[in-house]
Protein backbone atom coordinates (compact mmCIF):
# COMPACT_ATOMS: atom_id res chain seq x y z
CA MET A 1 -34.08 -41.15 9.72
CA THR A 2 -35.93 -40.87 12.89
CA GLY A 3 -34.69 -41.64 16.13
CA SER A 4 -34.59 -45.08 16.55
CA ASP A 5 -32.14 -48.15 18.56
CA LEU A 6 -30.24 -48.98 16.07
CA SER A 7 -28.51 -52.66 16.95
CA SER A 8 -26.75 -54.92 16.00
CA PRO A 9 -25.21 -58.30 18.31
CA LEU A 10 -22.58 -55.78 19.53
CA GLY A 11 -24.82 -53.86 21.50
CA ARG A 12 -27.47 -50.83 21.22
CA VAL A 13 -27.05 -47.27 20.56
CA ARG A 14 -29.47 -44.86 21.09
CA CYS A 15 -29.38 -42.10 18.11
CA THR A 16 -31.72 -39.20 18.23
CA PRO A 17 -31.92 -36.75 14.98
CA ALA A 18 -29.89 -33.73 15.12
CA ALA A 19 -32.47 -30.76 14.67
CA HIS A 20 -33.59 -29.18 11.62
CA PRO A 21 -35.69 -26.56 10.58
CA SER A 22 -39.69 -27.06 9.51
CA PRO A 23 -40.79 -25.78 6.33
CA SER A 24 -43.16 -23.64 8.26
CA GLY A 25 -39.91 -22.03 10.28
CA PRO A 26 -37.38 -22.31 12.97
CA LEU A 27 -37.98 -24.75 15.28
CA VAL A 28 -39.35 -23.41 18.52
CA ALA A 29 -38.77 -24.70 22.44
CA ARG A 30 -42.06 -25.97 23.59
CA THR A 31 -42.86 -24.89 27.19
CA PRO A 32 -44.71 -27.66 28.90
CA ALA A 33 -47.97 -27.16 30.55
CA HIS A 34 -48.82 -27.40 34.27
CA GLY A 35 -47.96 -31.39 34.78
CA ASP A 36 -47.64 -32.39 31.39
CA ASP A 37 -44.12 -33.68 33.03
CA LEU A 38 -45.63 -35.72 35.31
CA ASP A 39 -45.81 -39.62 34.50
CA PRO A 40 -49.39 -40.96 33.93
CA VAL A 41 -48.85 -43.67 37.00
CA VAL A 42 -48.00 -40.91 39.06
CA LYS A 43 -50.82 -39.06 38.00
CA ALA A 44 -53.40 -42.24 38.34
CA SER A 45 -52.41 -42.63 41.72
CA ILE A 46 -52.89 -38.79 42.85
CA THR A 47 -56.28 -39.07 41.73
CA ARG A 48 -56.75 -42.40 43.10
CA SER A 49 -55.33 -41.21 46.33
CA GLY A 50 -57.18 -38.55 46.73
CA ILE A 51 -60.54 -40.33 45.61
CA VAL A 52 -60.04 -42.77 48.15
CA LEU A 53 -58.69 -40.44 51.02
CA ALA A 54 -62.07 -38.25 50.47
CA VAL A 55 -64.47 -41.31 51.24
CA VAL A 56 -62.81 -42.77 54.06
CA GLY A 57 -62.32 -39.31 55.75
CA ALA A 58 -65.88 -38.46 55.01
CA GLY A 59 -67.14 -42.25 56.48
CA SER A 60 -64.73 -41.60 59.29
CA SER A 61 -66.29 -38.11 60.19
CA VAL A 62 -69.83 -40.05 60.28
CA CYS A 63 -68.79 -42.77 62.17
CA VAL A 64 -66.73 -40.87 64.51
CA TYR A 65 -70.26 -38.23 64.83
CA LEU A 66 -72.69 -41.18 65.42
CA GLY A 67 -70.49 -43.64 67.74
CA HIS A 68 -68.77 -40.88 69.74
CA GLY A 69 -71.55 -40.75 72.08
CA TRP A 70 -71.54 -44.69 72.99
CA PHE A 71 -67.81 -45.07 72.81
CA HIS A 72 -67.23 -42.51 75.51
CA GLY A 73 -70.65 -42.95 77.94
CA VAL A 74 -70.80 -46.93 77.14
CA PHE A 75 -67.43 -48.85 76.13
CA LEU A 76 -65.30 -47.01 77.76
CA PRO A 77 -66.38 -47.07 81.53
CA PHE A 78 -67.87 -50.89 80.93
CA LEU A 79 -64.04 -51.50 80.76
CA GLY A 80 -62.53 -49.27 82.98
CA VAL A 81 -60.46 -46.87 81.23
CA SER A 82 -60.21 -42.73 82.18
CA ALA A 83 -61.21 -40.31 79.56
CA PRO A 84 -57.90 -39.07 78.60
CA LEU A 85 -56.34 -42.88 77.83
CA GLY A 86 -59.80 -43.94 76.11
CA ASP A 87 -58.91 -40.58 73.52
CA ALA A 88 -55.68 -42.18 73.04
CA VAL A 89 -57.31 -45.32 72.28
CA GLY A 90 -60.08 -44.24 70.52
CA GLY A 91 -57.22 -42.29 68.01
CA LEU A 92 -55.30 -45.45 67.56
CA LEU A 93 -59.00 -47.36 66.68
CA ILE A 94 -59.65 -44.47 64.45
CA VAL A 95 -56.67 -45.03 62.39
CA LEU A 96 -56.77 -48.47 62.26
CA MET A 97 -60.39 -48.40 61.01
CA ALA A 98 -59.24 -45.90 58.51
CA PHE A 99 -56.12 -47.97 57.04
CA LEU A 100 -58.55 -50.97 56.85
CA ALA A 101 -61.40 -48.87 55.21
CA GLN A 102 -58.67 -47.46 52.92
CA ILE A 103 -58.17 -50.72 51.65
CA LEU A 104 -61.52 -52.06 51.58
CA VAL A 105 -62.52 -48.72 49.24
CA SER A 106 -59.44 -49.45 47.13
CA THR A 107 -60.47 -52.92 46.43
CA LEU A 108 -64.38 -52.29 45.62
CA LEU A 109 -63.34 -48.83 43.24
CA PHE A 110 -59.95 -49.65 41.46
CA LYS A 111 -59.16 -54.15 42.35
CA ASP A 112 -56.38 -53.13 43.70
CA GLY A 113 -55.82 -52.67 48.00
CA PHE A 114 -53.33 -50.30 47.18
CA LEU A 115 -54.71 -47.01 45.33
CA GLY A 116 -54.03 -49.55 42.37
CA LEU A 117 -50.35 -49.10 42.33
CA LEU A 118 -49.70 -52.76 42.18
CA ARG A 119 -51.39 -53.09 39.13
CA SER A 120 -49.94 -50.08 37.60
CA HIS A 121 -46.90 -51.66 38.27
CA LEU A 122 -47.83 -55.13 36.49
CA THR A 123 -49.08 -53.53 33.84
CA LEU A 124 -45.79 -51.20 33.41
CA ARG A 125 -43.60 -54.28 33.84
CA HIS A 126 -46.03 -56.20 30.78
CA ALA A 127 -46.08 -52.81 28.58
CA GLU A 128 -42.12 -52.76 28.94
CA GLU A 129 -41.62 -56.34 28.00
CA GLY A 130 -43.78 -56.19 25.17
CA LEU A 131 -41.81 -52.84 24.21
CA ARG A 132 -38.75 -54.84 24.70
CA ALA A 133 -39.71 -57.42 22.47
CA GLU A 134 -40.53 -55.09 19.73
CA ILE A 135 -37.80 -53.23 19.69
CA GLU A 136 -35.66 -56.67 19.33
CA GLU A 137 -37.84 -57.89 16.61
CA LEU A 138 -37.25 -54.24 14.78
CA ASP A 139 -33.57 -54.31 16.03
CA GLN A 140 -33.46 -58.01 14.19
CA LEU A 141 -35.20 -56.85 10.83
CA ALA A 142 -33.25 -54.20 10.40
CA SER A 143 -29.82 -56.29 10.77
CA THR A 144 -31.41 -59.10 8.58
CA ASP A 145 -32.04 -60.00 5.26
CA ARG A 146 -35.55 -60.29 4.78
CA LEU A 147 -35.59 -63.11 1.93
CA THR A 148 -33.14 -65.35 3.35
CA GLY A 149 -32.68 -64.83 6.99
CA ALA A 150 -29.06 -64.05 6.87
CA TRP A 151 -27.31 -60.91 8.41
CA ASN A 152 -27.76 -57.70 6.37
CA ARG A 153 -24.54 -55.75 4.87
CA ARG A 154 -25.06 -52.91 7.63
CA TRP A 155 -24.52 -55.43 10.42
CA LEU A 156 -21.75 -57.44 8.28
CA GLU A 157 -19.64 -54.01 8.35
CA ASN A 158 -20.65 -52.99 12.26
CA LEU A 159 -19.56 -57.09 13.48
CA ALA A 160 -15.86 -57.27 10.77
CA ALA A 161 -15.14 -53.86 12.69
CA ALA A 162 -15.33 -55.53 16.23
CA GLU A 163 -13.41 -58.01 14.76
CA ILE A 164 -10.79 -56.57 13.50
CA ASP A 165 -10.28 -54.43 16.18
CA ARG A 166 -10.44 -57.71 18.15
CA LEU A 167 -7.62 -59.58 16.19
CA ALA A 168 -5.42 -56.28 17.17
CA ARG A 169 -5.70 -57.26 20.62
CA SER A 170 -5.94 -60.88 20.60
CA GLU A 171 -4.27 -61.87 17.53
CA CYS A 172 -6.58 -64.05 16.99
CA ALA A 173 -7.13 -65.30 13.38
CA LEU A 174 -9.82 -63.94 11.44
CA SER A 175 -11.10 -65.18 7.41
CA MET A 176 -13.64 -64.27 5.43
CA LEU A 177 -15.23 -66.30 2.38
CA MET A 178 -17.02 -64.59 -0.34
CA LEU A 179 -19.40 -66.86 -2.81
CA ASP A 180 -21.45 -66.48 -5.56
CA ILE A 181 -24.07 -68.92 -7.38
CA ASP A 182 -22.50 -69.78 -10.76
CA HIS A 183 -25.22 -68.48 -13.60
CA PHE A 184 -27.99 -67.36 -11.38
CA LYS A 185 -29.21 -64.72 -14.10
CA ALA A 186 -30.18 -67.73 -16.18
CA ILE A 187 -32.37 -69.02 -13.45
CA ASN A 188 -34.15 -66.23 -13.24
CA ASP A 189 -34.34 -65.63 -17.26
CA VAL A 190 -35.33 -69.29 -17.31
CA HIS A 191 -37.34 -69.75 -14.05
CA GLY A 192 -38.25 -66.17 -13.32
CA HIS A 193 -37.67 -64.22 -10.05
CA ALA A 194 -39.63 -65.77 -8.04
CA VAL A 195 -38.02 -68.84 -8.33
CA GLY A 196 -34.59 -67.16 -7.91
CA ASP A 197 -35.83 -66.16 -4.63
CA ASP A 198 -36.44 -69.38 -3.50
CA VAL A 199 -33.25 -70.77 -4.93
CA LEU A 200 -31.57 -67.73 -2.94
CA ALA A 201 -33.69 -68.86 0.69
CA ALA A 202 -32.86 -72.43 -0.16
CA LEU A 203 -29.30 -71.93 -0.48
CA ALA A 204 -29.02 -69.68 3.06
CA ASP A 205 -30.85 -72.50 4.36
CA THR A 206 -28.01 -75.35 3.06
CA LEU A 207 -25.27 -73.03 3.65
CA ARG A 208 -26.37 -72.16 7.49
CA ARG A 209 -26.86 -76.20 8.34
CA ALA A 210 -23.01 -76.46 7.20
CA LEU A 211 -21.60 -73.35 9.58
CA ARG A 212 -20.35 -73.34 13.05
CA PRO A 213 -22.28 -71.16 15.86
CA SER A 214 -19.42 -68.81 15.59
CA ASP A 215 -19.51 -68.85 11.58
CA SER A 216 -22.04 -65.40 10.49
CA LEU A 217 -23.89 -65.85 6.99
CA ILE A 218 -24.34 -62.46 5.51
CA ARG A 219 -26.27 -61.56 2.21
CA TRP A 220 -23.78 -59.08 0.50
CA GLY A 221 -26.53 -58.53 -2.26
CA GLY A 222 -28.22 -60.23 -4.99
CA GLU A 223 -27.10 -63.49 -5.55
CA GLU A 224 -23.26 -63.30 -3.81
CA PHE A 225 -23.17 -64.34 -0.21
CA VAL A 226 -20.28 -63.70 2.88
CA VAL A 227 -19.45 -66.17 5.45
CA LEU A 228 -17.46 -64.24 8.56
CA SER A 229 -15.33 -67.58 10.23
CA PRO A 230 -13.79 -65.75 13.56
CA GLY A 231 -10.79 -68.12 15.17
CA THR A 232 -10.02 -69.11 11.51
CA THR A 233 -6.60 -69.75 9.81
CA LEU A 234 -6.81 -69.26 5.81
CA THR A 235 -6.54 -72.93 6.36
CA ALA A 236 -9.50 -74.23 8.14
CA ALA A 237 -11.28 -71.41 5.78
CA ILE A 238 -10.00 -72.97 2.47
CA VAL A 239 -11.20 -76.32 3.92
CA LEU A 240 -14.47 -75.12 5.58
CA ALA A 241 -14.75 -73.48 1.99
CA GLU A 242 -14.40 -76.70 -0.15
CA ARG A 243 -16.95 -78.35 2.12
CA LEU A 244 -19.27 -75.59 1.59
CA ARG A 245 -18.52 -75.95 -2.12
CA GLY A 246 -19.33 -80.08 -2.25
CA LEU A 247 -22.39 -79.56 -0.29
CA VAL A 248 -24.05 -77.21 -2.62
CA ALA A 249 -22.97 -79.60 -5.58
CA SER A 250 -24.63 -82.86 -4.03
CA ALA A 251 -27.87 -80.72 -3.34
CA GLY A 252 -31.02 -80.17 -5.29
CA PHE A 253 -32.80 -77.29 -5.39
CA ALA A 254 -35.87 -77.72 -7.02
CA PRO A 255 -36.95 -76.53 -9.22
CA VAL A 256 -33.39 -75.67 -10.72
CA GLY A 257 -32.00 -79.12 -10.28
CA HIS A 258 -28.44 -78.77 -9.42
CA LEU A 259 -26.28 -75.24 -8.52
CA THR A 260 -22.54 -74.61 -7.98
CA ILE A 261 -21.05 -71.83 -6.10
CA SER A 262 -17.46 -70.00 -6.72
CA LEU A 263 -15.81 -69.29 -3.43
CA GLY A 264 -13.15 -66.79 -2.62
CA ALA A 265 -11.25 -67.31 0.43
CA ALA A 266 -9.00 -64.44 2.62
CA GLU A 267 -7.55 -64.35 6.45
CA CYS A 268 -7.52 -60.73 7.63
CA LEU A 269 -3.92 -59.51 8.20
CA PRO A 270 -2.57 -57.47 11.00
CA GLY A 271 -2.98 -53.51 10.42
CA GLU A 272 -5.60 -54.33 7.22
CA SER A 273 -8.52 -52.63 6.98
CA TRP A 274 -11.98 -53.99 6.47
CA ARG A 275 -12.19 -52.55 3.11
CA GLN A 276 -8.88 -53.73 2.15
CA TRP A 277 -9.44 -57.43 3.48
CA LEU A 278 -12.25 -57.12 1.24
CA GLU A 279 -11.23 -56.39 -1.80
CA ARG A 280 -8.79 -59.52 -1.49
CA ALA A 281 -11.78 -62.00 -1.00
CA ASP A 282 -13.48 -59.82 -3.63
CA ALA A 283 -10.85 -60.33 -6.16
CA SER A 284 -9.86 -64.26 -5.02
CA LEU A 285 -13.85 -64.67 -5.41
CA TYR A 286 -13.59 -63.54 -8.87
CA ARG A 287 -10.47 -65.49 -10.26
CA ALA A 288 -12.96 -68.72 -9.13
CA LYS A 289 -15.58 -67.37 -11.50
CA ALA A 290 -13.14 -66.44 -14.28
CA GLY A 291 -11.19 -70.03 -13.65
CA GLY A 292 -13.97 -71.83 -14.88
CA ARG A 293 -16.54 -71.70 -11.47
CA ASN A 294 -17.56 -74.47 -9.09
CA GLN A 295 -14.13 -73.59 -7.47
CA VAL A 296 -12.51 -72.35 -4.45
CA ARG A 297 -9.41 -69.84 -4.54
CA PHE A 298 -7.89 -68.06 -1.60
CA ALA A 299 -5.83 -64.78 -1.59
CA PRO A 300 -2.43 -65.55 -0.60
CA GLU A 301 -1.42 -63.96 2.87
CA ALA A 302 1.74 -62.33 0.60
CA PRO A 303 1.66 -62.46 -2.83
CA VAL A 304 4.42 -63.60 -4.91
CA HIS A 305 3.34 -63.92 -8.57
CA PRO A 306 -0.28 -63.84 -9.67
CA HIS A 307 -0.45 -67.22 -10.30
CA ASP A 308 0.54 -69.06 -7.28
CA GLU A 309 -2.56 -68.90 -5.16
CA LEU A 310 -3.94 -72.07 -4.28
CA VAL A 311 -6.82 -73.74 -6.43
CA LEU A 312 -9.87 -76.12 -5.45
CA GLY A 313 -12.04 -78.18 -7.55
CA GLY A 314 -13.76 -81.24 -7.87
CA GLY A 315 -13.62 -82.93 -4.98
CA LEU A 316 -9.62 -82.45 -4.07
CA VAL A 317 -7.35 -79.59 -3.13
CA GLN A 318 -4.40 -78.69 -5.42
CA LEU A 319 -2.01 -76.26 -5.43
CA HIS A 320 -1.85 -74.77 -8.87
CA TRP A 321 1.01 -75.61 -11.20
CA HIS A 322 1.43 -72.76 -13.33
CA PRO A 323 4.78 -73.05 -15.99
CA SER A 324 6.16 -69.51 -14.68
CA HIS A 325 6.62 -71.44 -11.49
CA CYS A 326 9.86 -73.47 -13.90
CA CYS A 327 13.31 -72.11 -12.88
CA GLY A 328 14.38 -74.11 -15.96
CA HIS A 329 16.60 -77.03 -13.96
CA GLN A 330 14.45 -80.29 -14.40
CA GLY A 331 15.33 -81.98 -11.21
CA ILE A 332 14.59 -78.29 -9.10
CA ASP A 333 11.44 -78.23 -11.30
CA ARG A 334 10.56 -82.24 -11.02
CA ALA A 335 10.78 -81.98 -6.92
CA HIS A 336 8.76 -79.04 -6.59
CA GLN A 337 5.72 -80.46 -8.69
CA SER A 338 6.37 -83.88 -6.68
CA LEU A 339 6.12 -81.42 -3.39
CA PHE A 340 3.05 -79.68 -4.66
CA SER A 341 1.47 -83.61 -5.34
CA ILE A 342 2.33 -84.97 -1.43
CA SER A 343 0.60 -81.07 -0.02
CA ASN A 344 -2.41 -81.90 -2.11
CA ASP A 345 -2.05 -85.49 -0.72
CA LEU A 346 -2.21 -84.37 2.40
CA LEU A 347 -4.73 -81.97 2.41
CA ALA A 348 -7.35 -84.40 0.82
CA ALA A 349 -6.89 -86.34 3.39
CA MET A 350 -7.21 -83.57 5.78
CA LEU A 351 -11.15 -82.91 3.70
CA ALA A 352 -11.45 -86.91 4.15
CA ASP A 353 -11.27 -86.98 7.76
CA ALA A 354 -8.31 -89.77 7.50
CA ARG A 355 -7.15 -91.15 10.39
CA THR A 356 -4.43 -89.70 12.32
CA ALA A 357 -1.85 -92.35 11.43
CA ASP A 358 -2.18 -92.14 7.92
CA VAL A 359 -1.99 -88.47 8.18
CA ALA A 360 1.00 -88.54 10.26
CA GLU A 361 2.83 -90.99 7.20
CA ILE A 362 1.75 -87.89 4.75
CA VAL A 363 3.56 -86.04 6.70
CA ALA A 364 6.72 -88.00 7.21
CA LEU A 365 7.08 -88.71 3.75
CA LEU A 366 6.67 -84.13 2.76
CA VAL A 367 8.67 -83.10 5.00
CA ARG A 368 12.05 -86.13 3.95
CA GLU A 369 11.27 -84.84 0.61
CA VAL A 370 11.53 -81.61 1.40
CA ALA A 371 15.09 -82.33 3.33
CA ALA A 372 16.19 -84.03 0.27
CA HIS A 373 14.84 -81.52 -2.28
CA PHE A 374 17.17 -78.96 -0.35
CA ASP A 375 20.01 -80.83 -0.53
CA GLU A 376 19.87 -81.25 -4.38
CA GLU A 377 18.79 -77.31 -4.77
CA GLU A 378 21.71 -76.52 -2.66
CA ALA A 379 24.34 -78.58 -4.83
CA VAL A 380 22.58 -77.25 -8.26
CA LEU A 381 23.48 -73.59 -6.55
CA ALA A 382 26.54 -73.96 -5.70
CA ALA A 383 28.11 -76.00 -8.93
CA ALA A 384 26.13 -72.44 -10.53
CA GLY A 385 27.56 -70.40 -8.39
CA TYR A 386 24.99 -68.55 -6.51
CA PRO A 387 26.11 -65.84 -4.33
CA ASP A 388 23.25 -66.05 -2.11
CA LEU A 389 23.87 -69.89 -1.50
CA ALA A 390 24.74 -69.08 2.47
CA GLU A 391 21.53 -67.28 3.30
CA HIS A 392 19.31 -69.64 1.04
CA LYS A 393 20.82 -72.95 3.02
CA ALA A 394 20.05 -70.97 6.24
CA LEU A 395 16.75 -70.25 5.38
CA HIS A 396 16.34 -74.18 4.08
CA HIS A 397 17.80 -74.81 7.79
CA THR A 398 15.64 -72.91 9.69
CA LEU A 399 12.12 -73.71 7.68
CA LEU A 400 13.48 -77.66 7.82
CA GLU A 401 14.03 -77.90 11.64
CA ARG A 402 10.34 -76.33 12.31
CA ALA A 403 8.89 -78.46 10.21
CA LYS A 404 10.68 -81.77 11.82
CA ARG A 405 9.62 -80.09 15.11
CA LEU A 406 5.92 -79.43 14.11
CA ALA A 407 5.62 -83.15 12.45
CA GLN A 408 6.80 -84.67 15.66
CA GLU A 409 4.46 -82.45 17.73
CA PHE A 410 1.25 -83.82 15.63
CA ALA A 411 2.74 -87.88 16.14
CA ALA A 412 3.16 -86.72 19.83
CA GLY A 413 -0.70 -84.82 19.58
CA THR A 414 0.11 -82.50 20.73
CA LEU A 415 -0.36 -79.91 17.30
CA GLU A 416 -3.65 -79.91 15.43
CA ILE A 417 -3.26 -80.82 11.81
CA GLY A 418 -4.51 -77.29 10.76
CA PRO A 419 -1.15 -74.93 11.97
CA LEU A 420 1.46 -77.89 10.44
CA PHE A 421 -0.36 -78.38 7.33
CA GLN A 422 -0.34 -74.24 6.67
CA PHE A 423 3.26 -74.61 8.18
CA LEU A 424 4.14 -77.18 5.14
CA SER A 425 2.04 -76.45 2.61
CA TYR A 426 1.86 -72.91 2.25
CA ASP A 427 5.00 -71.25 3.96
CA VAL A 428 7.19 -74.13 2.55
CA VAL A 429 6.41 -75.11 -0.76
CA ALA A 430 3.98 -72.03 -2.13
CA ARG A 431 5.60 -69.17 -0.31
CA HIS A 432 9.00 -70.38 -0.24
CA MET A 433 9.35 -72.41 -3.59
CA LEU A 434 7.65 -69.99 -5.46
CA GLY A 435 8.70 -66.62 -3.23
CA ALA A 436 12.24 -66.91 -1.84
CA ASP A 437 13.22 -69.66 -4.92
CA ARG A 438 12.95 -66.87 -7.77
CA LYS A 439 15.48 -65.28 -6.59
CA TYR A 440 18.53 -67.92 -7.98
CA PHE A 441 16.55 -68.13 -11.04
CA PRO A 442 17.90 -65.77 -13.37
CA TRP A 443 21.56 -68.01 -12.07
CA ILE A 444 19.84 -71.35 -13.26
CA LEU A 445 18.84 -70.18 -16.41
CA ALA A 446 22.09 -68.65 -16.88
CA ALA A 447 24.03 -71.54 -15.81
CA SER A 448 21.73 -73.90 -18.29
CA ALA A 449 22.55 -71.24 -21.57
CA ALA A 450 26.04 -71.77 -20.53
CA ASP A 451 26.08 -75.47 -20.53
CA ALA A 452 24.34 -75.17 -23.59
CA ASP A 453 26.91 -73.33 -25.80
CA GLN A 454 29.27 -75.48 -24.43
CA ALA A 455 27.43 -78.92 -26.13
CA GLY A 456 26.89 -76.63 -28.70
């Protein structure tokens, strides 16, 4: 690498390579010759000054020699000026004429009345502007992918480090999407790599049109892209990912036809490194590919079970129910599945940009069902003799009171739907019911087994 300006949207740093021995021997410091360290403009100005002074000096000497007798013998007596005063006036006239002569000679020789300095300044300024434009163009080329026009991995790593640092200082949300074209190898095999390149460029244009100005599209490599979304919570990233998925699925990419993409979403956690965050997003993308492609999966902020993530696909957002979620009590399991379904309806309404009143009705229904489920669950746990029932009831009370408060703020127009949805669907439905509720599963199973023995 040679000395160059490496840049990113975060600023530019001048990088100078370390001195390395040359093949012919060690580096030897070079002593500049006389005048080598002078700026070319300075040297040109000195040369021009010398030429003009020589011409003006010679001309002035000739004028003084030829006009001296006339000036003192005719002009001064005509004005009635004494000899001493006449000498002073003569000196001023010589200076004035020399100044005017300098401008005239400089203009004739250099097309600039100021020894070419003005022209040199303009030339330098234009050269500097051109150099700055070239540097910016080189910076752009060094930070972007030539095929798609998206940012490249080097730029992403620089920006991600800065955004993670900002996250630590401001606690502002920061999310990332990783996406991959489904069955892209088949496109290259059937249509050729040139068509594959065209598809990548067209996909990048399609994605870019759907992103906010604050979002960044990065080509990670091959057919993989990354979307970096500052100020975006996990819920908002999931919504964005589903919109991108649907947009690509409905678009046409000649001559291939239709494409689908799989996406993984992850929100950066406090104290998390760039690599850890990237690995969680990549793992979510892998699950989306392994789960059938053309879908979105996200990395839970606090995973409690490998099956507990959200799955998005088919135009609707769904909480994926897995048999391992069942506790063995039909009433509790049926209530959990019902709450999953209502959460799906809430996010579907968000994706469809439903009226605020319609969304508020779904929110109210979800809060009512959560309250009813908590009452039923507590009764079942009391009958099963669950020893941590008091702690569990206190947790229910905390969650329910916050859910009611957030629902009231949303109904009053003082809270956006995003934070409310994330709390209801993620904190209450997903995290609590698939996390804290698992602690009582053994007691439910034991009670069910005891009931079966009695019945037998």
